[in-house]
Amino acid sequence: MQPAQKIIREVQLLSNNTCKIIAVSKKKSALDILEAKKMGFSHFGENYIQEMISKLDAFQGCTLHFIGHLQTNKCNDAVEHCDYIHSIDRIKLASAIEKSCIRFNKRIGGFIQINLTNEESKGGVSLNKFDELYNHIQKNCPHIQLKGIMYMPPANEDPEPLFLKANSLKQKYNLEELSMGMSKDYLTAIKNGATYVRIGSAIFGQR
């Protein structure tokens, strides 16, 4: 484990305690998760449904975020076990999540994943289709509590202008949360309005 307490202090100070850390535990063991819990982490993020399910016991008492690409046939598992889904990027998926919420009589926190640069290798709705997806969720998916926007910038670009753009979109739609920033750029993300940062390797070490 890396100096996790230092990360917690940095985030608290820079954000004035307004930003939460999601410890991204993909490809990490249940023992790693239990160790992270001892260090003070209570929000965890997983990218793969089957792997997440295999570690559910370790997440007891924590807030669980699904942050990876979600297939519609995996929505039941995501809704049943998670508190938030960060990767809503299409109407078909939003409708499938709503159906699963009805099945489990549950409301779930949702984030629309935006793709500001139209990278084919990344998920997320394009900017010109954001409004359509936002309106669909608001009108047709009452069990999805739309919390905010999730964003991941391209690996080789300066993230700050794009973080600013994501923050502007959050404000335009009067959304509460902004999930952006990872191990290499979480401090920049917080300076530009992130309310959740998704940190993996800086907490757990390289996978």
Protein backbone atom coordinates (compact mmCIF):
# COMPACT_ATOMS: atom_id res chain seq x y z
CA MET A 1 0.00 0.00 0.00
CA GLN A 2 1.15 3.54 -0.78
CA PRO A 3 0.94 6.37 1.82
CA ALA A 4 -2.85 6.43 1.75
CA GLN A 5 -3.19 8.75 4.72
CA LYS A 6 -1.26 11.42 2.80
CA ILE A 7 -3.76 11.16 -0.07
CA ILE A 8 -6.69 11.48 2.32
CA ARG A 9 -5.20 14.60 3.91
CA GLU A 10 -4.41 16.17 0.52
CA VAL A 11 -7.96 15.66 -0.72
CA GLN A 12 -9.52 16.93 2.49
CA LEU A 13 -7.39 20.07 2.57
CA LEU A 14 -7.65 20.93 -1.11
CA SER A 15 -11.39 20.37 -1.31
CA ASN A 16 -12.27 21.66 2.15
CA ASN A 17 -13.76 18.22 2.84
CA THR A 18 -16.17 18.44 -0.11
CA CYS A 19 -14.54 15.73 -2.24
CA LYS A 20 -14.81 11.99 -1.56
CA ILE A 21 -12.21 9.40 -2.55
CA ILE A 22 -13.35 6.29 -4.37
CA ALA A 23 -10.68 3.64 -3.85
CA VAL A 24 -10.60 1.77 -7.17
CA SER A 25 -10.09 -1.85 -6.20
CA LYS A 26 -10.27 -3.64 -9.55
CA LYS A 27 -7.83 -6.56 -9.74
CA LYS A 28 -7.14 -6.20 -6.03
CA SER A 29 -7.94 -8.88 -3.47
CA ALA A 30 -10.44 -8.84 -0.65
CA LEU A 31 -7.48 -8.59 1.74
CA ASP A 32 -6.33 -5.42 -0.02
CA ILE A 33 -9.81 -3.97 0.36
CA LEU A 34 -9.94 -4.82 4.06
CA GLU A 35 -6.55 -3.15 4.55
CA ALA A 36 -7.79 -0.02 2.73
CA LYS A 37 -10.85 0.06 4.99
CA LYS A 38 -8.54 0.07 8.03
CA MET A 39 -6.80 3.12 6.56
CA GLY A 40 -10.06 5.02 6.43
CA PHE A 41 -11.45 4.41 2.94
CA SER A 42 -15.19 3.76 2.83
CA HIS A 43 -16.05 4.31 -0.86
CA PHE A 44 -14.86 1.65 -3.33
CA GLY A 45 -15.11 1.44 -7.11
CA GLU A 46 -15.20 -1.67 -9.27
CA ASN A 47 -15.03 -2.03 -13.05
CA TYR A 48 -16.15 -5.61 -13.63
CA ILE A 49 -19.35 -7.15 -12.33
CA GLN A 50 -18.14 -10.73 -11.80
CA GLU A 51 -14.99 -9.61 -10.02
CA MET A 52 -17.02 -7.25 -7.86
CA ILE A 53 -19.43 -10.01 -6.85
CA SER A 54 -16.53 -12.23 -5.81
CA LYS A 55 -15.45 -9.61 -3.25
CA LEU A 56 -18.81 -8.51 -1.86
CA ASP A 57 -18.06 -9.65 1.68
CA ALA A 58 -15.08 -7.27 1.83
CA PHE A 59 -17.29 -4.32 0.88
CA GLN A 60 -19.66 -4.78 3.82
CA GLY A 61 -20.36 -1.44 5.49
CA CYS A 62 -18.95 0.53 2.54
CA THR A 63 -20.42 2.55 -0.32
CA LEU A 64 -19.95 0.66 -3.58
CA HIS A 65 -19.63 2.43 -6.94
CA PHE A 66 -19.71 0.70 -10.31
CA ILE A 67 -17.39 2.72 -12.54
CA GLY A 68 -16.75 0.48 -15.57
CA HIS A 69 -18.57 -0.10 -18.83
CA LEU A 70 -21.90 -1.73 -17.99
CA GLN A 71 -23.68 -4.16 -20.28
CA THR A 72 -27.46 -4.15 -20.10
CA ASN A 73 -27.52 -7.85 -19.17
CA LYS A 74 -25.46 -7.06 -16.05
CA CYS A 75 -27.77 -4.34 -14.73
CA ASN A 76 -29.50 -6.58 -12.22
CA ASP A 77 -26.21 -7.35 -10.50
CA ALA A 78 -25.09 -3.72 -10.56
CA VAL A 79 -28.35 -2.43 -9.13
CA GLU A 80 -28.64 -5.15 -6.51
CA HIS A 81 -25.16 -4.66 -5.08
CA CYS A 82 -24.11 -1.08 -5.82
CA ASP A 83 -25.05 2.30 -4.41
CA TYR A 84 -23.97 4.29 -7.49
CA ILE A 85 -23.45 3.65 -11.20
CA HIS A 86 -21.05 6.14 -12.79
CA SER A 87 -21.11 4.90 -16.38
CA ILE A 88 -24.59 5.62 -17.73
CA ASP A 89 -23.88 6.56 -21.34
CA ARG A 90 -26.89 5.56 -23.44
CA ILE A 91 -30.68 5.51 -23.28
CA LYS A 92 -30.89 1.72 -23.59
CA LEU A 93 -28.68 1.31 -20.53
CA ALA A 94 -30.61 3.88 -18.48
CA SER A 95 -33.86 2.07 -19.28
CA ALA A 96 -32.34 -1.29 -18.29
CA ILE A 97 -31.12 0.17 -14.99
CA GLU A 98 -34.59 1.58 -14.32
CA LYS A 99 -36.12 -1.85 -14.97
CA SER A 100 -33.66 -3.44 -12.53
CA CYS A 101 -34.44 -0.81 -9.91
CA ILE A 102 -38.13 -1.66 -10.19
CA ARG A 103 -37.30 -5.35 -9.83
CA PHE A 104 -35.35 -4.76 -6.61
CA ASN A 105 -37.60 -1.95 -5.37
CA LYS A 106 -34.56 0.27 -5.08
CA ARG A 107 -33.36 3.72 -6.10
CA ILE A 108 -29.77 4.11 -7.22
CA GLY A 109 -27.46 7.07 -7.62
CA GLY A 110 -26.57 7.65 -11.26
CA PHE A 111 -23.89 9.55 -13.14
CA ILE A 112 -23.92 10.28 -16.86
CA GLN A 113 -20.53 9.45 -18.35
CA ILE A 114 -19.52 12.10 -20.87
CA ASN A 115 -17.02 11.68 -23.70
CA LEU A 116 -15.92 15.24 -24.47
CA THR A 117 -13.35 14.32 -27.14
CA ASN A 118 -15.30 11.48 -28.81
CA GLU A 119 -12.54 8.95 -28.14
CA GLU A 120 -13.61 5.62 -29.58
CA SER A 121 -11.61 3.74 -26.95
CA LYS A 122 -13.56 5.32 -24.09
CA GLY A 123 -17.17 5.02 -23.06
CA GLY A 124 -19.41 7.99 -22.54
CA VAL A 125 -22.13 9.87 -24.35
CA SER A 126 -21.04 12.53 -26.81
CA LEU A 127 -21.72 16.15 -25.91
CA ASN A 128 -24.33 16.55 -28.65
CA LYS A 129 -26.34 13.61 -27.26
CA PHE A 130 -26.00 14.53 -23.58
CA ASP A 131 -29.23 16.50 -23.43
CA GLU A 132 -31.26 13.66 -24.92
CA LEU A 133 -29.91 11.16 -22.37
CA TYR A 134 -30.33 13.60 -19.48
CA ASN A 135 -33.98 14.28 -20.41
CA HIS A 136 -34.72 10.58 -20.86
CA ILE A 137 -33.47 9.80 -17.35
CA GLN A 138 -35.34 12.72 -15.79
CA LYS A 139 -38.62 11.87 -17.52
CA ASN A 140 -38.57 8.08 -17.74
CA CYS A 141 -36.28 6.74 -15.01
CA PRO A 142 -37.63 7.88 -11.62
CA HIS A 143 -35.63 5.24 -9.75
CA ILE A 144 -32.33 6.68 -11.00
CA GLN A 145 -31.35 9.58 -8.78
CA LEU A 146 -29.26 11.54 -11.24
CA LYS A 147 -26.38 12.86 -9.17
CA GLY A 148 -23.90 14.18 -11.68
CA ILE A 149 -21.35 13.64 -14.42
CA MET A 150 -18.47 11.21 -14.71
CA TYR A 151 -15.51 12.11 -16.90
CA MET A 152 -12.17 10.60 -17.87
CA PRO A 153 -9.83 12.71 -20.07
CA PRO A 154 -7.53 11.32 -22.77
CA ALA A 155 -4.29 9.94 -21.38
CA ASN A 156 -1.93 12.20 -23.31
CA GLU A 157 -3.70 15.56 -23.10
CA ASP A 158 -3.62 18.33 -20.53
CA PRO A 159 -6.70 17.42 -18.46
CA GLU A 160 -7.38 20.86 -16.99
CA PRO A 161 -9.31 22.45 -19.91
CA LEU A 162 -11.42 19.31 -20.19
CA PHE A 163 -12.05 19.19 -16.43
CA LEU A 164 -13.23 22.79 -16.67
CA LYS A 165 -15.56 21.85 -19.52
CA ALA A 166 -17.01 18.95 -17.53
CA ASN A 167 -17.54 21.24 -14.55
CA SER A 168 -19.32 23.78 -16.76
CA LEU A 169 -21.64 21.04 -18.00
CA LYS A 170 -22.39 20.00 -14.41
CA GLN A 171 -23.29 23.58 -13.55
CA LYS A 172 -25.36 24.08 -16.69
CA TYR A 173 -27.58 21.14 -15.76
CA ASN A 174 -27.56 22.04 -12.05
CA LEU A 175 -26.16 18.67 -11.03
CA GLU A 176 -24.70 18.02 -7.61
CA GLU A 177 -21.67 15.80 -8.23
CA LEU A 178 -18.67 15.57 -10.57
CA SER A 179 -16.74 12.30 -10.68
CA MET A 180 -13.36 12.90 -12.31
CA GLY A 181 -9.68 12.59 -11.56
CA MET A 182 -7.53 9.51 -11.06
CA SER A 183 -4.15 8.72 -9.51
CA LYS A 184 -2.11 10.97 -11.82
CA ASP A 185 -4.45 13.97 -11.99
CA TYR A 186 -6.76 13.93 -8.96
CA LEU A 187 -5.32 17.15 -7.51
CA THR A 188 -5.98 18.99 -10.78
CA ALA A 189 -9.48 17.50 -10.87
CA ILE A 190 -10.26 18.75 -7.36
CA LYS A 191 -9.05 22.25 -8.25
CA ASN A 192 -11.53 22.18 -11.12
CA GLY A 193 -14.59 21.06 -9.22
CA ALA A 194 -14.41 17.29 -8.70
CA THR A 195 -16.57 16.02 -5.84
CA TYR A 196 -15.48 12.39 -6.31
CA VAL A 197 -12.00 11.26 -7.35
CA ARG A 198 -11.37 7.67 -8.44
CA ILE A 199 -7.94 6.62 -7.17
CA GLY A 200 -6.48 3.16 -7.70
CA SER A 201 -2.72 2.74 -8.09
CA ALA A 202 -1.82 5.64 -5.77
CA ILE A 203 -3.61 3.76 -2.99
CA PHE A 204 -3.08 0.10 -3.83
CA GLY A 205 0.08 0.21 -5.92
CA GLN A 206 0.39 -0.91 -9.54
CA ARG A 207 -1.81 -3.77 -10.70
